[in-house]
Structures are given as C-alpha cells and as structure tokens.
Amino acid sequence: MRLATLIIAICTSGACACTIPVFRFALDRWEADKFHLVMPAAVSQTPEVQDLLRPLRANGKANLDFSTSKDPAQQDTILRYSKESDKQVWAGKLDAATLSAVLDSPARKKLVQLLLAGDSVIWVIADSGSAVDVLEVERIEKRLKFLEQVASLPIQDPNDPDSQLGPGPPLRLKFSTLRLRRDDPAEAMLLHMLAGPRGTFDPTTTSFAGAVFGRGRVLGAWPLDILDDASLEDACMFLVGRCGCRLKNESPGWDILLNLEWEKALPAAPTSAAQPAGSEAASPPTIIPEFKPLAVPELVTILPEIEKPAESLKGRLIAGLAAGLALLVLLPRWLRK
C-alpha cells in the first residue's frame, strides 16, 4: 500500500477551503507534544537534580515535562514519548550531561535552523555509511531535487481569513536532507525519537529516513530499502498540498523533543530567504550622467531666387507713349504724299 493511500484514509476532512500547505499550517498552529521525564523519588529530591530542573520549571523552552515516579522499584530516570505512553526513548542516570543530551543535540539544532528558514520538509537520513546505503541516499537526494522542481504550492488568497499565515519565515517550497550516522552517540536519542513510539524497527541496526516538518513533527519513518520513489513523492506532495487536517490529532505522525520556544522564535525568524555569508557583493556606486540639453538646430528657410525683370513697368509705359506720339506725327505726312 502506497503512503498516499494511508494519508488519504487518515485525513478525510479534505473539503477544507484552507489554502495553507500542511507543513506551514503545522508550523503556525500545531504545538509540539510534550515528552515526559520520570525520575525515581531518591533522584528527584537531590540538590543537584533540583538545580538542574529549576530552569525547566521557571521558563523551560523544550516540549518536556517531568514528574517523580511512584514506583519504589524504579532506579533509572526514564524519558517517555508522553505521559500516556509506556514506550521509552531513554533510561539512565540523570545528571548535567544526560539532561543536556535529552534536551538537544547537534542534529536537532540543525533541524531547528532549517525549520525556521521555512523548509517544507527535512528528510533525516540515518545510515551506516555502507556502499549500499550510500547508493540509497544518492537516490533519495536525486529524487527530492526532481520533486522540488516539479511540485508547486497552493495559490494563496491574502483576503481569505482561513488562509492567513502566522509570523515566521517566508512561504517556500524546499525539500532538504540531513544525514546522520546510526552509530553517532550524540544522536542516539534523536534516532529513537525519529523511529517513533510504535517501534516498528530498531534505529540502531536499520538504515532509515524520517520526514520532519512543522515544529518537529515526524510524518513517518521508513527503512531505506522500502522507501521507494513513489513513497517519497506521496509524502512530499501531501506536505506541500492544502491542509485538510486542521486538528493535529487527525494528522499522522509524532513529535521529536526540541529545546525551543516557538512562540518567540517564529516572529524572530527572517522574513526573506537568507543569503550565505559573504555571498553579497558590494553594490557598485550609482552613476548619474550629467544632463546636457540638446542644441536646438537653427531653422533656415531657403526660398527660390526670383529673376529680376528687364525693366520696370514705368519704363515700359513711357516707351509705349513715345512710340504712339511718333506715329501720330508721322502718319499725316505719309498721307499727304
């Protein structure tokens, strides 16, 4: 059964008119479920542990609460997925080092950074480093790059009251990967958190990938040998599609423990895509050319030359009168002859 079939079966309220993608709806509105730290009575009352827990009581940022066990036989401190869950993430001696490992890790810091940057989904890949795993990781990364090119986000209507984004990073489509080694002791707790409370496989012996989005929500985790291209596509397209599961408990998945106060971190997130350090070149100075008015050409009118008459009209009249008088004088003489 493809992943899409499972998602459709669970998220049946798809008639929702909300155009916010699933991953962003979760980032804006879904609070992370709290993990539960259960301490033996003898441990919780020691001054050292009281000092360790005091910051968590006052203004703890992590999605974690704690209590004292009522079982007198309990010797170790136990981290569970929730108060209602009996599934253990970790058990051992509680001190400053182990509490720090419970609250955070290098990979979780990177996850927070990517989520606050607005990445749609981060595929956390835990592998052994073997040649087979390397080929599987390359296949996954290649497929995600292809999906990022062909996928699209729903068109957002700024006037729709049901589709208003909360404060945080810009809405963008980005499929990222974060690669871990299964034998990394710093990420042992994260590996178990990613594998989930159902425990369908052992994260210390199985190479797998988990899809993380929202405020540290895991859509699911799958061994690499069964995570085919179709399942990758189903998960990615679901997360960038319209949110039909407004209620968190209607959506598949579980949370991981992150040491972050989201209500303060989201408004402080950059509102535009960050530039890599040193990538911004200095802007060249703006050069404004000197304005010179164009010279107005002189208009020259060339008229055709008019030929001057040989003589004036007055001269012609005088000559005509003289000729007439001469004719009058001479004509009578010619007649007498």
Protein backbone atom coordinates (compact mmCIF):
# COMPACT_ATOMS: atom_id res chain seq x y z
CA MET A 1 0.00 0.00 0.00
CA ARG A 2 1.42 3.35 -1.04
CA LEU A 3 1.82 6.09 1.52
CA ALA A 4 -0.79 8.22 -0.27
CA THR A 5 -3.47 5.62 0.50
CA LEU A 6 -2.67 5.79 4.21
CA ILE A 7 -2.69 9.59 4.26
CA ILE A 8 -6.00 9.83 2.40
CA ALA A 9 -7.53 7.29 4.74
CA ILE A 10 -6.48 9.26 7.81
CA CYS A 11 -7.04 12.82 6.56
CA THR A 12 -10.65 12.59 5.42
CA SER A 13 -11.53 16.24 6.01
CA GLY A 14 -10.08 17.37 2.69
CA ALA A 15 -13.05 19.61 1.87
CA CYS A 16 -11.41 22.38 3.90
CA ALA A 17 -11.09 25.61 1.91
CA CYS A 18 -7.78 26.49 3.58
CA THR A 19 -5.02 27.01 1.02
CA ILE A 20 -2.11 26.93 3.51
CA PRO A 21 0.15 23.92 2.86
CA VAL A 22 0.23 21.20 5.51
CA PHE A 23 3.82 21.89 6.52
CA ARG A 24 3.17 25.61 7.10
CA PHE A 25 -0.14 25.07 8.86
CA ALA A 26 1.71 22.80 11.30
CA LEU A 27 4.47 25.37 11.80
CA ASP A 28 1.97 28.14 12.51
CA ARG A 29 -0.60 26.32 14.61
CA TRP A 30 0.40 22.88 15.92
CA GLU A 31 2.09 22.90 19.32
CA ALA A 32 4.61 20.11 19.82
CA ASP A 33 3.51 17.23 22.07
CA LYS A 34 5.43 17.02 25.33
CA PHE A 35 7.78 14.23 26.25
CA HIS A 36 7.71 13.00 29.83
CA LEU A 37 10.72 12.57 32.10
CA VAL A 38 10.04 10.27 35.07
CA MET A 39 12.56 10.31 37.92
CA PRO A 40 12.92 7.99 40.90
CA ALA A 41 11.97 9.66 44.17
CA ALA A 42 15.50 9.40 45.50
CA VAL A 43 16.85 11.21 42.44
CA SER A 44 14.30 14.00 42.12
CA GLN A 45 14.91 15.19 45.69
CA THR A 46 18.67 15.58 45.46
CA PRO A 47 20.01 19.18 45.45
CA GLU A 48 21.96 18.54 42.22
CA VAL A 49 18.88 17.44 40.30
CA GLN A 50 16.78 20.20 41.81
CA ASP A 51 19.29 22.72 40.47
CA LEU A 52 19.21 21.08 37.05
CA LEU A 53 15.41 21.18 36.87
CA ARG A 54 14.95 24.70 38.19
CA PRO A 55 15.41 26.41 34.77
CA LEU A 56 12.93 23.98 33.23
CA ARG A 57 10.34 24.78 35.88
CA ALA A 58 10.72 28.54 35.53
CA ASN A 59 10.82 29.11 31.78
CA GLY A 60 11.63 25.85 30.05
CA LYS A 61 11.62 26.08 26.27
CA ALA A 62 11.58 22.39 25.40
CA ASN A 63 8.43 20.34 24.87
CA LEU A 64 9.16 18.38 28.05
CA ASP A 65 7.55 17.91 31.42
CA PHE A 66 8.70 15.74 34.32
CA SER A 67 7.44 14.03 37.41
CA THR A 68 8.54 11.78 40.25
CA SER A 69 7.86 8.09 39.92
CA LYS A 70 5.54 6.39 42.39
CA ASP A 71 7.23 3.06 41.74
CA PRO A 72 9.73 2.43 44.57
CA ALA A 73 11.50 -0.16 42.42
CA GLN A 74 12.42 2.34 39.68
CA GLN A 75 16.14 3.06 39.75
CA ASP A 76 16.76 4.93 36.49
CA THR A 77 15.31 8.13 35.14
CA ILE A 78 13.13 7.32 32.12
CA LEU A 79 12.25 9.51 29.13
CA ARG A 80 8.92 8.57 27.53
CA TYR A 81 7.17 9.89 24.41
CA SER A 82 4.34 11.28 26.56
CA LYS A 83 2.58 10.84 29.88
CA GLU A 84 0.24 8.37 28.27
CA SER A 85 2.95 6.34 26.58
CA ASP A 86 4.90 3.48 28.10
CA LYS A 87 7.39 3.50 25.23
CA GLN A 88 10.85 4.53 26.42
CA VAL A 89 13.16 6.83 24.48
CA TRP A 90 15.96 6.60 27.02
CA ALA A 91 16.70 5.33 30.53
CA GLY A 92 19.73 6.01 32.70
CA LYS A 93 21.32 8.22 35.33
CA LEU A 94 20.17 11.82 35.31
CA ASP A 95 22.96 14.37 35.54
CA ALA A 96 24.01 17.53 33.70
CA ALA A 97 25.41 15.63 30.72
CA THR A 98 22.44 13.33 30.21
CA LEU A 99 19.91 16.13 30.69
CA SER A 100 21.74 18.15 28.04
CA ALA A 101 21.55 15.15 25.68
CA VAL A 102 17.83 14.79 26.39
CA LEU A 103 17.14 18.44 25.58
CA ASP A 104 19.29 18.94 22.49
CA SER A 105 21.88 17.62 20.03
CA PRO A 106 23.82 18.97 17.03
CA ALA A 107 21.39 17.47 14.53
CA ARG A 108 18.39 18.90 16.35
CA LYS A 109 19.98 22.36 16.28
CA LYS A 110 20.34 21.99 12.51
CA LEU A 111 16.74 20.83 12.22
CA VAL A 112 15.55 23.94 14.07
CA GLN A 113 17.63 26.11 11.76
CA LEU A 114 16.07 24.55 8.64
CA LEU A 115 12.53 24.69 10.00
CA LEU A 116 12.88 28.37 10.92
CA ALA A 117 14.24 29.03 7.44
CA GLY A 118 10.91 27.81 6.05
CA ASP A 119 11.94 24.46 4.54
CA SER A 120 8.88 22.41 3.62
CA VAL A 121 10.21 19.08 4.87
CA ILE A 122 13.58 17.83 6.09
CA TRP A 123 14.31 14.20 5.34
CA VAL A 124 16.56 12.99 8.16
CA ILE A 125 18.52 10.02 6.84
CA ALA A 126 20.24 7.68 9.31
CA ASP A 127 22.57 5.19 7.65
CA SER A 128 25.62 3.04 8.31
CA GLY A 129 27.86 4.54 5.66
CA SER A 130 27.98 1.30 3.68
CA ALA A 131 28.15 1.29 -0.12
CA VAL A 132 24.55 0.11 -0.32
CA ASP A 133 23.38 2.91 1.96
CA VAL A 134 25.37 5.50 0.01
CA LEU A 135 23.57 4.49 -3.20
CA GLU A 136 20.20 4.70 -1.44
CA VAL A 137 21.00 8.15 -0.06
CA GLU A 138 22.06 9.38 -3.51
CA ARG A 139 18.83 8.04 -4.99
CA ILE A 140 16.74 9.84 -2.36
CA GLU A 141 18.57 13.14 -2.79
CA LYS A 142 18.25 12.95 -6.58
CA ARG A 143 14.54 12.22 -6.36
CA LEU A 144 13.94 15.07 -3.93
CA LYS A 145 15.68 17.54 -6.24
CA PHE A 146 13.42 16.41 -9.07
CA LEU A 147 10.28 16.70 -6.93
CA GLU A 148 11.29 20.18 -5.81
CA GLN A 149 11.39 21.26 -9.47
CA VAL A 150 8.00 19.85 -10.46
CA ALA A 151 5.98 20.49 -7.28
CA SER A 152 4.11 23.71 -6.54
CA LEU A 153 2.45 25.35 -3.56
CA PRO A 154 -1.26 26.18 -3.44
CA ILE A 155 -2.10 29.68 -4.61
CA GLN A 156 -2.59 31.88 -1.56
CA ASP A 157 -5.51 34.28 -1.24
CA PRO A 158 -4.46 37.18 1.03
CA ASN A 159 -8.12 38.09 1.54
CA ASP A 160 -9.17 34.65 2.79
CA PRO A 161 -9.44 34.77 6.61
CA ASP A 162 -8.96 30.99 6.80
CA SER A 163 -5.67 31.13 4.91
CA GLN A 164 -3.64 33.70 6.84
CA LEU A 165 -0.03 32.77 7.57
CA GLY A 166 1.31 33.24 11.06
CA PRO A 167 4.53 35.12 11.85
CA GLY A 168 7.63 33.35 10.66
CA PRO A 169 9.76 32.63 7.61
CA PRO A 170 8.61 33.20 4.03
CA LEU A 171 6.41 30.53 2.48
CA ARG A 172 8.59 28.50 0.16
CA LEU A 173 8.92 25.04 -1.36
CA LYS A 174 12.13 23.33 -0.23
CA PHE A 175 12.92 19.63 0.27
CA SER A 176 16.06 19.26 2.41
CA THR A 177 18.07 16.32 3.70
CA LEU A 178 20.01 15.90 6.93
CA ARG A 179 22.27 12.85 7.11
CA LEU A 180 23.22 11.09 10.35
CA ARG A 181 25.27 8.04 11.24
CA ARG A 182 23.38 5.35 13.12
CA ASP A 183 26.30 4.86 15.50
CA ASP A 184 26.65 8.52 16.46
CA PRO A 185 26.29 8.60 20.28
CA ALA A 186 25.36 12.30 20.26
CA GLU A 187 22.24 11.48 18.21
CA ALA A 188 21.16 8.25 19.93
CA MET A 189 18.06 9.83 21.46
CA LEU A 190 17.12 11.62 18.24
CA LEU A 191 17.28 8.33 16.32
CA HIS A 192 14.78 6.75 18.70
CA MET A 193 12.54 9.84 18.53
CA LEU A 194 12.57 9.69 14.74
CA ALA A 195 11.76 5.98 14.69
CA GLY A 196 8.63 6.75 16.67
CA PRO A 197 6.66 5.29 19.56
CA ARG A 198 5.41 2.27 17.62
CA GLY A 199 8.92 0.84 17.32
CA THR A 200 8.41 -0.95 14.01
CA PHE A 201 12.19 -1.18 13.52
CA ASP A 202 15.39 -0.77 15.53
CA PRO A 203 17.04 2.55 14.57
CA THR A 204 20.45 1.35 15.75
CA THR A 205 20.53 -1.53 13.27
CA THR A 206 18.27 -0.30 10.44
CA SER A 207 19.09 2.46 7.99
CA PHE A 208 16.01 4.67 7.61
CA ALA A 209 14.69 8.13 6.72
CA GLY A 210 12.12 10.25 8.53
CA ALA A 211 10.19 13.26 7.18
CA VAL A 212 10.25 16.18 9.65
CA PHE A 213 8.14 19.33 9.27
CA GLY A 214 6.24 21.93 11.32
CA ARG A 215 7.60 22.29 14.86
CA GLY A 216 9.43 18.97 14.80
CA ARG A 217 6.57 16.76 13.62
CA VAL A 218 7.56 13.44 12.03
CA LEU A 219 5.17 12.38 9.28
CA GLY A 220 6.69 8.91 9.28
CA ALA A 221 9.94 6.94 9.21
CA TRP A 222 10.75 4.15 6.77
CA PRO A 223 13.69 1.78 6.26
CA LEU A 224 15.66 2.82 3.19
CA ASP A 225 15.07 -0.48 1.43
CA ILE A 226 11.29 0.10 1.33
CA LEU A 227 11.28 3.88 0.88
CA ASP A 228 10.82 3.94 -2.89
CA ASP A 229 10.40 6.95 -5.18
CA ALA A 230 6.61 6.71 -5.09
CA SER A 231 6.55 6.91 -1.28
CA LEU A 232 8.90 9.90 -1.33
CA GLU A 233 6.59 11.64 -3.76
CA ASP A 234 3.47 10.82 -1.75
CA ALA A 235 4.94 12.26 1.46
CA CYS A 236 6.30 15.42 -0.17
CA MET A 237 3.13 16.15 -2.15
CA PHE A 238 1.00 15.65 0.94
CA LEU A 239 3.05 18.13 2.97
CA VAL A 240 3.04 20.87 0.31
CA GLY A 241 -0.64 20.35 -0.51
CA ARG A 242 -3.62 22.11 1.07
CA CYS A 243 -4.12 21.35 4.72
CA GLY A 244 -7.15 19.15 5.22
CA CYS A 245 -6.23 18.03 8.75
CA ARG A 246 -6.71 21.15 10.85
CA LEU A 247 -6.73 19.17 14.07
CA LYS A 248 -3.32 17.80 14.89
CA ASN A 249 -4.64 14.53 16.25
CA GLU A 250 -6.25 13.86 12.86
CA SER A 251 -2.88 14.01 11.15
CA PRO A 252 -0.44 11.08 11.01
CA GLY A 253 2.87 11.32 12.81
CA TRP A 254 4.54 12.11 16.13
CA ASP A 255 6.87 14.78 17.53
CA ILE A 256 10.51 14.98 18.50
CA LEU A 257 11.88 16.87 21.50
CA LEU A 258 13.30 20.29 20.59
CA ASN A 259 14.68 22.86 23.01
CA LEU A 260 12.97 25.90 21.51
CA GLU A 261 10.24 28.36 22.43
CA TRP A 262 8.43 28.53 19.12
CA GLU A 263 6.15 31.45 20.01
CA LYS A 264 9.21 33.65 20.35
CA ALA A 265 11.39 32.06 17.69
CA LEU A 266 8.89 32.31 14.83
CA PRO A 267 8.35 36.09 14.96
CA ALA A 268 12.13 36.50 15.13
CA ALA A 269 12.72 34.31 12.05
CA PRO A 270 13.97 36.11 8.92
CA THR A 271 11.11 37.14 6.65
CA SER A 272 13.15 36.59 3.49
CA ALA A 273 15.49 33.87 2.33
CA ALA A 274 18.87 34.34 3.98
CA GLN A 275 21.96 34.88 1.87
CA PRO A 276 25.01 32.73 2.62
CA ALA A 277 27.68 34.59 4.50
CA GLY A 278 29.93 36.56 2.21
CA SER A 279 27.72 35.95 -0.84
CA GLU A 280 26.51 39.51 -1.12
CA ALA A 281 28.74 41.56 -3.37
CA ALA A 282 29.22 45.23 -2.69
CA SER A 283 26.83 47.29 -4.75
CA PRO A 284 28.59 49.49 -7.29
CA PRO A 285 28.07 53.22 -6.85
CA THR A 286 25.19 54.68 -8.77
CA ILE A 287 26.47 56.91 -11.55
CA ILE A 288 24.13 59.67 -12.68
CA PRO A 289 25.25 61.10 -16.04
CA GLU A 290 25.49 64.87 -16.36
CA PHE A 291 22.48 66.32 -18.10
CA LYS A 292 23.26 68.42 -21.15
CA PRO A 293 20.37 69.96 -23.06
CA LEU A 294 20.33 69.15 -26.71
CA ALA A 295 21.21 72.05 -29.03
CA VAL A 296 18.20 73.33 -30.94
CA PRO A 297 19.09 73.46 -34.65
CA GLU A 298 18.69 76.80 -36.40
CA LEU A 299 15.88 76.76 -38.92
CA VAL A 300 16.95 78.20 -42.28
CA THR A 301 14.32 78.87 -44.93
CA ILE A 302 15.66 78.68 -48.46
CA LEU A 303 13.46 80.48 -50.99
CA PRO A 304 13.85 80.14 -54.73
CA GLU A 305 15.64 83.02 -56.39
CA ILE A 306 13.25 85.36 -58.25
CA GLU A 307 14.53 86.60 -61.58
CA LYS A 308 14.52 90.46 -61.86
CA PRO A 309 12.52 91.92 -64.80
CA ALA A 310 14.49 93.58 -67.62
CA GLU A 311 12.79 96.88 -66.99
CA SER A 312 10.22 98.35 -64.75
CA LEU A 313 6.57 98.83 -65.62
CA LYS A 314 7.05 102.63 -65.66
CA GLY A 315 9.76 102.36 -68.24
CA ARG A 316 7.56 100.25 -70.46
CA LEU A 317 4.68 102.79 -70.28
CA ILE A 318 6.94 105.72 -71.23
CA ALA A 319 8.34 103.85 -74.20
CA GLY A 320 4.84 102.96 -75.35
CA LEU A 321 3.63 106.59 -75.17
CA ALA A 322 6.67 107.85 -77.09
CA ALA A 323 6.06 105.36 -79.86
CA GLY A 324 2.41 106.41 -80.06
CA LEU A 325 3.22 110.14 -80.36
CA ALA A 326 5.77 109.49 -83.06
CA LEU A 327 3.18 107.56 -85.03
CA LEU A 328 0.66 110.40 -84.75
CA VAL A 329 3.22 112.96 -86.05
CA LEU A 330 4.46 110.93 -88.95
CA LEU A 331 1.17 109.45 -90.14
CA PRO A 332 -0.30 112.79 -91.60
CA ARG A 333 2.88 113.41 -93.57
CA TRP A 334 2.78 109.98 -95.09
CA LEU A 335 -0.80 110.59 -96.15
CA ARG A 336 -0.03 113.92 -97.99
CA LYS A 337 2.44 112.32 -100.24
